[in-house]
Amino acid sequence: MLVIIDDIQEGAILVFLPGWGDISEVNKILKRLVSPESVKIIPLHSLISTKEQRTVFKRPPSGVRKIVLSTNIAETRCVI
């Protein structure tokens, strides 16, 4: 199920997906559907470098909604 956000509010959306292929596919779909000025999409997976994984902790600019596409790595591994 895909929900399109048309009323940007504070906070982030965390989407759990089964694996890297699903993360990549949903990332492509979202990039076609939403404006990069209104949404920051962050893929999160163990195959991504630690440096890139850290971007998940950065707060987006005001008015930009953060969407994190992840497997359960978000529950088990947190690199600060």
PDB file of N, CA and C in Angstrom:
ATOM      1  N   MET A   1       0.848  -1.175   0.000  1.00  0.00           N
ATOM      2  CA  MET A   1       0.000   0.000   0.000  1.00  0.00           C
ATOM      3  C   MET A   1       0.887   1.230   0.000  1.00  0.00           C
ATOM      4  N   LEU A   2       0.566   2.187  -0.836  1.00  0.00           N
ATOM      5  CA  LEU A   2       1.335   3.418  -0.930  1.00  0.00           C
ATOM      6  C   LEU A   2       0.444   4.580  -0.546  1.00  0.00           C
ATOM      7  N   VAL A   3       0.907   5.386   0.380  1.00  0.00           N
ATOM      8  CA  VAL A   3       0.152   6.551   0.827  1.00  0.00           C
ATOM      9  C   VAL A   3       0.896   7.791   0.370  1.00  0.00           C
ATOM     10  N   ILE A   4       0.223   8.665  -0.327  1.00  0.00           N
ATOM     11  CA  ILE A   4       0.827   9.918  -0.770  1.00  0.00           C
ATOM     12  C   ILE A   4       0.522  10.991   0.270  1.00  0.00           C
ATOM     13  N   ILE A   5       1.552  11.708   0.659  1.00  0.00           N
ATOM     14  CA  ILE A   5       1.406  12.741   1.669  1.00  0.00           C
ATOM     15  C   ILE A   5       1.189  14.069   0.971  1.00  0.00           C
ATOM     16  N   ASP A   6       0.045  14.678   1.210  1.00  0.00           N
ATOM     17  CA  ASP A   6      -0.204  15.970   0.573  1.00  0.00           C
ATOM     18  C   ASP A   6      -0.236  17.100   1.584  1.00  0.00           C
ATOM     19  N   ASP A   7      -0.078  16.802   2.861  1.00  0.00           N
ATOM     20  CA  ASP A   7      -0.057  17.817   3.904  1.00  0.00           C
ATOM     21  C   ASP A   7       1.184  17.586   4.754  1.00  0.00           C
ATOM     22  N   ILE A   8       2.276  18.250   4.407  1.00  0.00           N
ATOM     23  CA  ILE A   8       3.540  18.042   5.097  1.00  0.00           C
ATOM     24  C   ILE A   8       3.445  18.552   6.526  1.00  0.00           C
ATOM     25  N   GLN A   9       3.808  17.689   7.450  1.00  0.00           N
ATOM     26  CA  GLN A   9       3.858  18.039   8.855  1.00  0.00           C
ATOM     27  C   GLN A   9       5.212  17.633   9.392  1.00  0.00           C
ATOM     28  N   GLU A  10       5.469  17.964  10.645  1.00  0.00           N
ATOM     29  CA  GLU A  10       6.723  17.585  11.279  1.00  0.00           C
ATOM     30  C   GLU A  10       6.785  16.070  11.465  1.00  0.00           C
ATOM     31  N   GLY A  11       7.989  15.549  11.554  1.00  0.00           N
ATOM     32  CA  GLY A  11       8.167  14.130  11.823  1.00  0.00           C
ATOM     33  C   GLY A  11       8.643  13.370  10.604  1.00  0.00           C
ATOM     34  N   ALA A  12       8.919  12.103  10.839  1.00  0.00           N
ATOM     35  CA  ALA A  12       9.424  11.235   9.784  1.00  0.00           C
ATOM     36  C   ALA A  12       8.512  10.031   9.637  1.00  0.00           C
ATOM     37  N   ILE A  13       8.659   9.366   8.502  1.00  0.00           N
ATOM     38  CA  ILE A  13       7.908   8.143   8.229  1.00  0.00           C
ATOM     39  C   ILE A  13       8.932   7.032   8.065  1.00  0.00           C
ATOM     40  N   LEU A  14       8.745   5.934   8.794  1.00  0.00           N
ATOM     41  CA  LEU A  14       9.632   4.781   8.699  1.00  0.00           C
ATOM     42  C   LEU A  14       8.863   3.652   8.035  1.00  0.00           C
ATOM     43  N   VAL A  15       9.406   3.174   6.903  1.00  0.00           N
ATOM     44  CA  VAL A  15       8.764   2.110   6.137  1.00  0.00           C
ATOM     45  C   VAL A  15       9.653   0.877   6.195  1.00  0.00           C
ATOM     46  N   PHE A  16       9.139  -0.223   6.754  1.00  0.00           N
ATOM     47  CA  PHE A  16       9.889  -1.475   6.783  1.00  0.00           C
ATOM     48  C   PHE A  16       9.560  -2.287   5.534  1.00  0.00           C
ATOM     49  N   LEU A  17      10.617  -2.761   4.861  1.00  0.00           N
ATOM     50  CA  LEU A  17      10.480  -3.552   3.646  1.00  0.00           C
ATOM     51  C   LEU A  17      11.326  -4.822   3.785  1.00  0.00           C
ATOM     52  N   PRO A  18      11.000  -5.875   3.041  1.00  0.00           N
ATOM     53  CA  PRO A  18      11.685  -7.165   3.220  1.00  0.00           C
ATOM     54  C   PRO A  18      13.170  -7.179   2.874  1.00  0.00           C
ATOM     55  N   GLY A  19      13.593  -6.408   1.889  1.00  0.00           N
ATOM     56  CA  GLY A  19      14.999  -6.482   1.483  1.00  0.00           C
ATOM     57  C   GLY A  19      15.418  -5.322   0.601  1.00  0.00           C
ATOM     58  N   TRP A  20      16.696  -5.374   0.175  1.00  0.00           N
ATOM     59  CA  TRP A  20      17.265  -4.287  -0.617  1.00  0.00           C
ATOM     60  C   TRP A  20      16.520  -4.062  -1.940  1.00  0.00           C
ATOM     61  N   GLY A  21      16.097  -5.136  -2.594  1.00  0.00           N
ATOM     62  CA  GLY A  21      15.365  -4.982  -3.857  1.00  0.00           C
ATOM     63  C   GLY A  21      14.085  -4.191  -3.679  1.00  0.00           C
ATOM     64  N   ASP A  22      13.363  -4.466  -2.609  1.00  0.00           N
ATOM     65  CA  ASP A  22      12.123  -3.742  -2.330  1.00  0.00           C
ATOM     66  C   ASP A  22      12.404  -2.282  -1.964  1.00  0.00           C
ATOM     67  N   ILE A  23      13.464  -2.067  -1.181  1.00  0.00           N
ATOM     68  CA  ILE A  23      13.842  -0.696  -0.820  1.00  0.00           C
ATOM     69  C   ILE A  23      14.152   0.099  -2.082  1.00  0.00           C
ATOM     70  N   SER A  24      14.935  -0.482  -2.980  1.00  0.00           N
ATOM     71  CA  SER A  24      15.304   0.197  -4.228  1.00  0.00           C
ATOM     72  C   SER A  24      14.082   0.503  -5.085  1.00  0.00           C
ATOM     73  N   GLU A  25      13.170  -0.458  -5.189  1.00  0.00           N
ATOM     74  CA  GLU A  25      11.980  -0.271  -6.021  1.00  0.00           C
ATOM     75  C   GLU A  25      11.066   0.812  -5.456  1.00  0.00           C
ATOM     76  N   VAL A  26      10.807   0.780  -4.159  1.00  0.00           N
ATOM     77  CA  VAL A  26       9.954   1.802  -3.545  1.00  0.00           C
ATOM     78  C   VAL A  26      10.622   3.175  -3.641  1.00  0.00           C
ATOM     79  N   ASN A  27      11.933   3.216  -3.493  1.00  0.00           N
ATOM     80  CA  ASN A  27      12.672   4.470  -3.636  1.00  0.00           C
ATOM     81  C   ASN A  27      12.448   5.070  -5.030  1.00  0.00           C
ATOM     82  N   LYS A  28      12.571   4.250  -6.072  1.00  0.00           N
ATOM     83  CA  LYS A  28      12.345   4.717  -7.449  1.00  0.00           C
ATOM     84  C   LYS A  28      10.921   5.235  -7.633  1.00  0.00           C
ATOM     85  N   ILE A  29       9.957   4.501  -7.105  1.00  0.00           N
ATOM     86  CA  ILE A  29       8.549   4.897  -7.240  1.00  0.00           C
ATOM     87  C   ILE A  29       8.303   6.231  -6.544  1.00  0.00           C
ATOM     88  N   LEU A  30       8.771   6.355  -5.311  1.00  0.00           N
ATOM     89  CA  LEU A  30       8.551   7.596  -4.564  1.00  0.00           C
ATOM     90  C   LEU A  30       9.214   8.788  -5.245  1.00  0.00           C
ATOM     91  N   LYS A  31      10.404   8.593  -5.788  1.00  0.00           N
ATOM     92  CA  LYS A  31      11.097   9.691  -6.464  1.00  0.00           C
ATOM     93  C   LYS A  31      10.320  10.193  -7.680  1.00  0.00           C
ATOM     94  N   ARG A  32       9.539   9.297  -8.307  1.00  0.00           N
ATOM     95  CA  ARG A  32       8.709   9.715  -9.443  1.00  0.00           C
ATOM     96  C   ARG A  32       7.439  10.435  -8.979  1.00  0.00           C
ATOM     97  N   LEU A  33       6.989  10.134  -7.760  1.00  0.00           N
ATOM     98  CA  LEU A  33       5.694  10.635  -7.298  1.00  0.00           C
ATOM     99  C   LEU A  33       5.747  11.887  -6.434  1.00  0.00           C
ATOM    100  N   VAL A  34       6.864  12.121  -5.768  1.00  0.00           N
ATOM    101  CA  VAL A  34       6.928  13.251  -4.840  1.00  0.00           C
ATOM    102  C   VAL A  34       8.021  14.223  -5.236  1.00  0.00           C
ATOM    103  N   SER A  35       7.850  15.452  -4.806  1.00  0.00           N
ATOM    104  CA  SER A  35       8.808  16.505  -5.096  1.00  0.00           C
ATOM    105  C   SER A  35       9.993  16.419  -4.135  1.00  0.00           C
ATOM    106  N   PRO A  36      11.233  16.500  -4.651  1.00  0.00           N
ATOM    107  CA  PRO A  36      12.396  16.451  -3.762  1.00  0.00           C
ATOM    108  C   PRO A  36      12.462  17.655  -2.815  1.00  0.00           C
ATOM    109  N   GLU A  37      11.736  18.702  -3.129  1.00  0.00           N
ATOM    110  CA  GLU A  37      11.691  19.877  -2.257  1.00  0.00           C
ATOM    111  C   GLU A  37      10.803  19.639  -1.037  1.00  0.00           C
ATOM    112  N   SER A  38       9.906  18.657  -1.115  1.00  0.00           N
ATOM    113  CA  SER A  38       8.974  18.420  -0.013  1.00  0.00           C
ATOM    114  C   SER A  38       9.250  17.136   0.765  1.00  0.00           C
ATOM    115  N   VAL A  39      10.049  16.233   0.180  1.00  0.00           N
ATOM    116  CA  VAL A  39      10.293  14.943   0.822  1.00  0.00           C
ATOM    117  C   VAL A  39      11.758  14.543   0.644  1.00  0.00           C
ATOM    118  N   LYS A  40      12.384  14.099   1.730  1.00  0.00           N
ATOM    119  CA  LYS A  40      13.740  13.552   1.689  1.00  0.00           C
ATOM    120  C   LYS A  40      13.613  12.041   1.897  1.00  0.00           C
ATOM    121  N   ILE A  41      13.970  11.257   0.875  1.00  0.00           N
ATOM    122  CA  ILE A  41      13.863   9.801   0.942  1.00  0.00           C
ATOM    123  C   ILE A  41      15.240   9.242   1.290  1.00  0.00           C
ATOM    124  N   ILE A  42      15.275   8.405   2.334  1.00  0.00           N
ATOM    125  CA  ILE A  42      16.542   7.839   2.788  1.00  0.00           C
ATOM    126  C   ILE A  42      16.458   6.318   2.798  1.00  0.00           C
ATOM    127  N   PRO A  43      17.132   5.641   1.851  1.00  0.00           N
ATOM    128  CA  PRO A  43      17.224   4.188   1.908  1.00  0.00           C
ATOM    129  C   PRO A  43      18.180   3.798   3.038  1.00  0.00           C
ATOM    130  N   LEU A  44      17.834   2.774   3.807  1.00  0.00           N
ATOM    131  CA  LEU A  44      18.671   2.338   4.922  1.00  0.00           C
ATOM    132  C   LEU A  44      18.775   0.817   4.895  1.00  0.00           C
ATOM    133  N   HIS A  45      20.012   0.330   4.718  1.00  0.00           N
ATOM    134  CA  HIS A  45      20.243  -1.113   4.627  1.00  0.00           C
ATOM    135  C   HIS A  45      21.692  -1.376   5.005  1.00  0.00           C
ATOM    136  N   SER A  46      21.991  -2.580   5.443  1.00  0.00           N
ATOM    137  CA  SER A  46      23.361  -2.919   5.852  1.00  0.00           C
ATOM    138  C   SER A  46      24.357  -2.845   4.699  1.00  0.00           C
ATOM    139  N   LEU A  47      23.889  -2.892   3.461  1.00  0.00           N
ATOM    140  CA  LEU A  47      24.779  -2.779   2.308  1.00  0.00           C
ATOM    141  C   LEU A  47      25.260  -1.347   2.075  1.00  0.00           C
ATOM    142  N   ILE A  48      24.608  -0.399   2.722  1.00  0.00           N
ATOM    143  CA  ILE A  48      24.965   1.016   2.583  1.00  0.00           C
ATOM    144  C   ILE A  48      26.077   1.333   3.572  1.00  0.00           C
ATOM    145  N   SER A  49      27.006   2.190   3.165  1.00  0.00           N
ATOM    146  CA  SER A  49      28.139   2.525   4.036  1.00  0.00           C
ATOM    147  C   SER A  49      27.655   3.169   5.341  1.00  0.00           C
ATOM    148  N   THR A  50      28.482   3.041   6.366  1.00  0.00           N
ATOM    149  CA  THR A  50      28.157   3.630   7.671  1.00  0.00           C
ATOM    150  C   THR A  50      27.956   5.130   7.539  1.00  0.00           C
ATOM    151  N   LYS A  51      28.773   5.785   6.734  1.00  0.00           N
ATOM    152  CA  LYS A  51      28.647   7.239   6.534  1.00  0.00           C
ATOM    153  C   LYS A  51      27.264   7.585   5.970  1.00  0.00           C
ATOM    154  N   GLU A  52      26.825   6.840   4.970  1.00  0.00           N
ATOM    155  CA  GLU A  52      25.511   7.080   4.387  1.00  0.00           C
ATOM    156  C   GLU A  52      24.389   6.750   5.372  1.00  0.00           C
ATOM    157  N   GLN A  53      24.592   5.703   6.187  1.00  0.00           N
ATOM    158  CA  GLN A  53      23.586   5.344   7.176  1.00  0.00           C
ATOM    159  C   GLN A  53      23.367   6.475   8.184  1.00  0.00           C
ATOM    160  N   ARG A  54      24.398   7.220   8.484  1.00  0.00           N
ATOM    161  CA  ARG A  54      24.293   8.307   9.466  1.00  0.00           C
ATOM    162  C   ARG A  54      23.360   9.422   9.011  1.00  0.00           C
ATOM    163  N   THR A  55      23.136   9.539   7.708  1.00  0.00           N
ATOM    164  CA  THR A  55      22.249  10.607   7.229  1.00  0.00           C
ATOM    165  C   THR A  55      20.839  10.453   7.774  1.00  0.00           C
ATOM    166  N   VAL A  56      20.473   9.254   8.219  1.00  0.00           N
ATOM    167  CA  VAL A  56      19.142   9.028   8.759  1.00  0.00           C
ATOM    168  C   VAL A  56      18.904   9.867  10.017  1.00  0.00           C
ATOM    169  N   PHE A  57      19.982  10.246  10.719  1.00  0.00           N
ATOM    170  CA  PHE A  57      19.840  11.014  11.957  1.00  0.00           C
ATOM    171  C   PHE A  57      19.770  12.521  11.737  1.00  0.00           C
ATOM    172  N   LYS A  58      20.025  12.975  10.520  1.00  0.00           N
ATOM    173  CA  LYS A  58      19.991  14.416  10.243  1.00  0.00           C
ATOM    174  C   LYS A  58      18.552  14.895  10.074  1.00  0.00           C
ATOM    175  N   ARG A  59      18.243  16.002  10.692  1.00  0.00           N
ATOM    176  CA  ARG A  59      16.909  16.587  10.585  1.00  0.00           C
ATOM    177  C   ARG A  59      16.792  17.299   9.226  1.00  0.00           C
ATOM    178  N   PRO A  60      15.722  17.038   8.494  1.00  0.00           N
ATOM    179  CA  PRO A  60      15.548  17.719   7.207  1.00  0.00           C
ATOM    180  C   PRO A  60      15.174  19.181   7.432  1.00  0.00           C
ATOM    181  N   PRO A  61      15.300  20.002   6.406  1.00  0.00           N
ATOM    182  CA  PRO A  61      14.894  21.405   6.529  1.00  0.00           C
ATOM    183  C   PRO A  61      13.405  21.519   6.872  1.00  0.00           C
ATOM    184  N   SER A  62      13.037  22.639   7.417  1.00  0.00           N
ATOM    185  CA  SER A  62      11.637  22.890   7.755  1.00  0.00           C
ATOM    186  C   SER A  62      10.750  22.717   6.524  1.00  0.00           C
ATOM    187  N   GLY A  63       9.634  22.025   6.693  1.00  0.00           N
ATOM    188  CA  GLY A  63       8.702  21.810   5.591  1.00  0.00           C
ATOM    189  C   GLY A  63       9.017  20.598   4.739  1.00  0.00           C
ATOM    190  N   VAL A  64      10.092  19.876   5.067  1.00  0.00           N
ATOM    191  CA  VAL A  64      10.477  18.687   4.308  1.00  0.00           C
ATOM    192  C   VAL A  64      10.236  17.460   5.183  1.00  0.00           C
ATOM    193  N   ARG A  65       9.487  16.501   4.671  1.00  0.00           N
ATOM    194  CA  ARG A  65       9.187  15.264   5.391  1.00  0.00           C
ATOM    195  C   ARG A  65      10.253  14.238   5.063  1.00  0.00           C
ATOM    196  N   LYS A  66      10.779  13.563   6.069  1.00  0.00           N
ATOM    197  CA  LYS A  66      11.782  12.509   5.877  1.00  0.00           C
ATOM    198  C   LYS A  66      11.063  11.163   5.819  1.00  0.00           C
ATOM    199  N   ILE A  67      11.380  10.375   4.780  1.00  0.00           N
ATOM    200  CA  ILE A  67      10.857   9.014   4.650  1.00  0.00           C
ATOM    201  C   ILE A  67      12.049   8.072   4.634  1.00  0.00           C
ATOM    202  N   VAL A  68      12.096   7.154   5.602  1.00  0.00           N
ATOM    203  CA  VAL A  68      13.182   6.185   5.707  1.00  0.00           C
ATOM    204  C   VAL A  68      12.659   4.835   5.224  1.00  0.00           C
ATOM    205  N   LEU A  69      13.324   4.281   4.214  1.00  0.00           N
ATOM    206  CA  LEU A  69      12.978   2.968   3.669  1.00  0.00           C
ATOM    207  C   LEU A  69      14.000   1.982   4.198  1.00  0.00           C
ATOM    208  N   SER A  70      13.564   1.009   4.995  1.00  0.00           N
ATOM    209  CA  SER A  70      14.506   0.160   5.706  1.00  0.00           C
ATOM    210  C   SER A  70      14.006  -1.260   5.881  1.00  0.00           C
ATOM    211  N   THR A  71      14.954  -2.170   6.090  1.00  0.00           N
ATOM    212  CA  THR A  71      14.618  -3.485   6.617  1.00  0.00           C
ATOM    213  C   THR A  71      14.650  -3.334   8.127  1.00  0.00           C
ATOM    214  N   ASN A  72      14.607  -4.417   8.850  1.00  0.00           N
ATOM    215  CA  ASN A  72      14.621  -4.301  10.302  1.00  0.00           C
ATOM    216  C   ASN A  72      15.986  -3.910  10.858  1.00  0.00           C
ATOM    217  N   ILE A  73      16.925  -3.512   9.998  1.00  0.00           N
ATOM    218  CA  ILE A  73      18.205  -2.969  10.457  1.00  0.00           C
ATOM    219  C   ILE A  73      17.965  -1.789  11.396  1.00  0.00           C
ATOM    220  N   ALA A  74      16.896  -1.056  11.156  1.00  0.00           N
ATOM    221  CA  ALA A  74      16.597   0.106  11.995  1.00  0.00           C
ATOM    222  C   ALA A  74      16.305  -0.307  13.430  1.00  0.00           C
ATOM    223  N   GLU A  75      15.894  -1.527  13.619  1.00  0.00           N
ATOM    224  CA  GLU A  75      15.610  -2.029  14.964  1.00  0.00           C
ATOM    225  C   GLU A  75      16.832  -2.662  15.608  1.00  0.00           C
ATOM    226  N   THR A  76      17.772  -3.155  14.800  1.00  0.00           N
ATOM    227  CA  THR A  76      18.856  -3.966  15.343  1.00  0.00           C
ATOM    228  C   THR A  76      20.220  -3.313  15.302  1.00  0.00           C
ATOM    229  N   ARG A  77      20.407  -2.307  14.467  1.00  0.00           N
ATOM    230  CA  ARG A  77      21.743  -1.720  14.307  1.00  0.00           C
ATOM    231  C   ARG A  77      21.615  -0.215  14.244  1.00  0.00           C
ATOM    232  N   CYS A  78      22.245   0.443  15.150  1.00  0.00           N
ATOM    233  CA  CYS A  78      22.218   1.895  15.172  1.00  0.00           C
ATOM    234  C   CYS A  78      23.643   2.398  15.313  1.00  0.00           C
ATOM    235  N   VAL A  79      24.157   3.041  14.275  1.00  0.00           N
ATOM    236  CA  VAL A  79      25.521   3.563  14.293  1.00  0.00           C
ATOM    237  C   VAL A  79      25.439   5.059  14.524  1.00  0.00           C
ATOM    238  N   ILE A  80      26.052   5.526  15.583  1.00  0.00           N
ATOM    239  CA  ILE A  80      26.002   6.963  15.901  1.00  0.00           C
ATOM    240  C   ILE A  80      27.372   7.564  15.733  1.00  0.00           C
TER     241      ILE A  80
END
